[in-house]
């Protein structure tokens, strides 16, 4: 609720925070991590907190006597961390890192019960997530035409053909991650209902 309240305050005061951290500078190459905190990112973070807290509360009761409960809680916390990493970053490289982190943790959650069925569905999850990675990497290549991987600084009106290609690649990658119609074959296989792993 705290992040939701902050997002409402940021809407009211029309504020946002942009934080840059320079990791290192070598010749003309700067490795910078960028964080954007505005009302929309805080709203998404509040929803992620709400849903993940409900899953964690349910799993604490459901998996009370499970031997691997701590491993599951660690995987869930890593999933939440990579989700935050994905939401607050306006840089496509760090979005790709958060995306890959979500893919790895999703694979670990799908194969959590370690049987033959979960391994096959886990590898199908990996293959379809790699397709999403391919689309994000193609959008990164198209963003080189603008000279920056920070999509906040893009000159959107310089070349609309490049911008259309970038938006198309990002939209196709989001279809793979959210298991929309052409890429939804992994989702029913990953369910281990009624467990919290699902």
Foldseek 3Di string as FASTA:
>chain_A
DVLQVVLVVCVVVVDKDKDKDWPDQDDHDTDIFIFIGHSVLSVVLVVLVVVLVVLLVVQCVVCVPPPCSVVVVVLSVQLSVLVSQLRGGQFLVSVLVSLVSNLVSLLCLLCVVPDPLSNVLSVLSNVLLVLLSVLSVVLVVLCVVQVGRRPVPGPCPPDVVSVVSNVVSNVVSVCSVVLPDVNVPSPVSSDPPPHSSD
